[in-house]
Amino acid sequence: MKIVELEEIYNFVVQHIFV
């Protein structure tokens, strides 16, 4: 698993939490 993928997932989750 690459760090880039983890960063995208984190960003996706953050956007849904702080909608």
N, C-alpha and C. Protein backbone atom coordinates (compact mmCIF):
# COMPACT_ATOMS: atom_id res chain seq x y z
N MET A 1 0.85 -1.20 0.00
CA MET A 1 0.00 0.00 0.00
C MET A 1 0.89 1.24 0.00
N LYS A 2 0.63 2.12 -0.95
CA LYS A 2 1.45 3.33 -1.06
C LYS A 2 0.92 4.44 -0.15
N ILE A 3 1.79 5.33 0.20
CA ILE A 3 1.40 6.46 1.06
C ILE A 3 0.40 7.36 0.33
N VAL A 4 0.56 7.47 -0.98
CA VAL A 4 -0.35 8.31 -1.77
C VAL A 4 -1.78 7.81 -1.63
N GLU A 5 -1.97 6.49 -1.70
CA GLU A 5 -3.33 5.95 -1.57
C GLU A 5 -3.89 6.25 -0.19
N LEU A 6 -3.07 6.10 0.82
CA LEU A 6 -3.52 6.36 2.18
C LEU A 6 -3.92 7.83 2.33
N GLU A 7 -3.16 8.71 1.70
CA GLU A 7 -3.45 10.14 1.76
C GLU A 7 -4.78 10.44 1.10
N GLU A 8 -5.05 9.80 -0.02
CA GLU A 8 -6.33 10.02 -0.71
C GLU A 8 -7.50 9.54 0.14
N ILE A 9 -7.33 8.38 0.76
CA ILE A 9 -8.39 7.83 1.63
C ILE A 9 -8.62 8.76 2.81
N TYR A 10 -7.53 9.23 3.40
CA TYR A 10 -7.65 10.13 4.55
C TYR A 10 -8.38 11.40 4.14
N ASN A 11 -8.01 11.95 3.01
CA ASN A 11 -8.66 13.17 2.52
C ASN A 11 -10.15 12.93 2.26
N PHE A 12 -10.48 11.79 1.70
CA PHE A 12 -11.87 11.45 1.41
C PHE A 12 -12.68 11.37 2.71
N VAL A 13 -12.13 10.73 3.72
CA VAL A 13 -12.81 10.59 5.01
C VAL A 13 -12.97 11.96 5.66
N VAL A 14 -11.92 12.74 5.62
CA VAL A 14 -11.96 14.08 6.24
C VAL A 14 -13.05 14.94 5.58
N GLN A 15 -13.17 14.85 4.26
CA GLN A 15 -14.20 15.64 3.57
C GLN A 15 -15.60 15.20 3.99
N HIS A 16 -15.79 13.93 4.23
CA HIS A 16 -17.11 13.44 4.64
C HIS A 16 -17.41 13.81 6.09
N ILE A 17 -16.39 13.87 6.92
CA ILE A 17 -16.60 14.24 8.33
C ILE A 17 -16.87 15.75 8.42
N PHE A 18 -16.08 16.51 7.69
CA PHE A 18 -16.24 17.98 7.73
C PHE A 18 -16.99 18.42 6.49
N VAL A 19 -18.22 17.94 6.36
CA VAL A 19 -19.02 18.29 5.18
C VAL A 19 -19.71 19.63 5.41
